Amino acid sequence: MHVLKNKTNCLMKEDTLIQQNFLQKRTLSFRYLKFLLLHAVKVSRH
């Protein structure tokens, strides 16, 4: 029973790491898109 609990904890930790990683990547790509949009607007105004 104890071993199973440890395995579950490990899996949960990994899952949390993966989720955090995914969120970071999504935030980064969102910022990048925002930056591109702002840049496009600046260019089109000129």
Protein backbone atom coordinates (compact mmCIF):
# COMPACT_ATOMS: atom_id res chain seq x y z
CA MET A 1 0.00 0.00 0.00
CA HIS A 2 2.79 2.40 0.91
CA VAL A 3 4.63 1.77 -2.37
CA LEU A 4 1.47 2.48 -4.33
CA LYS A 5 1.02 5.74 -2.48
CA ASN A 6 4.57 6.78 -3.33
CA LYS A 7 4.03 5.94 -6.99
CA THR A 8 0.85 7.99 -7.06
CA ASN A 9 2.67 10.94 -5.48
CA CYS A 10 5.41 10.72 -8.10
CA LEU A 11 2.86 10.64 -10.90
CA MET A 12 1.03 13.61 -9.46
CA LYS A 13 4.26 15.58 -9.17
CA GLU A 14 5.14 14.79 -12.78
CA ASP A 15 1.66 15.78 -13.89
CA THR A 16 1.94 19.09 -12.05
CA LEU A 17 5.31 19.76 -13.67
CA ILE A 18 3.92 18.99 -17.11
CA GLN A 19 0.95 21.29 -16.51
CA GLN A 20 3.19 24.12 -15.30
CA ASN A 21 5.44 23.64 -18.31
CA PHE A 22 2.44 23.73 -20.64
CA LEU A 23 1.11 26.89 -19.02
CA GLN A 24 4.49 28.59 -19.30
CA LYS A 25 4.75 27.69 -22.97
CA ARG A 26 1.23 28.93 -23.59
CA THR A 27 1.95 32.20 -21.81
CA LEU A 28 5.15 32.63 -23.81
CA SER A 29 3.45 32.01 -27.13
CA PHE A 30 0.64 34.35 -26.13
CA ARG A 31 3.12 37.12 -25.32
CA TYR A 32 4.89 36.45 -28.59
CA LEU A 33 1.63 36.72 -30.55
CA LYS A 34 0.77 39.92 -28.73
CA PHE A 35 4.20 41.32 -29.57
CA LEU A 36 3.75 40.37 -33.23
CA LEU A 37 0.32 42.00 -33.32
CA LEU A 38 1.61 45.22 -31.77
CA HIS A 39 4.49 45.24 -34.22
CA ALA A 40 2.12 44.71 -37.16
CA VAL A 41 -0.06 47.59 -35.98
CA LYS A 42 2.95 49.90 -35.70
CA VAL A 43 4.14 48.94 -39.17
CA SER A 44 0.71 49.39 -40.75
CA ARG A 45 0.36 52.87 -39.22
CA HIS A 46 3.48 54.15 -40.96
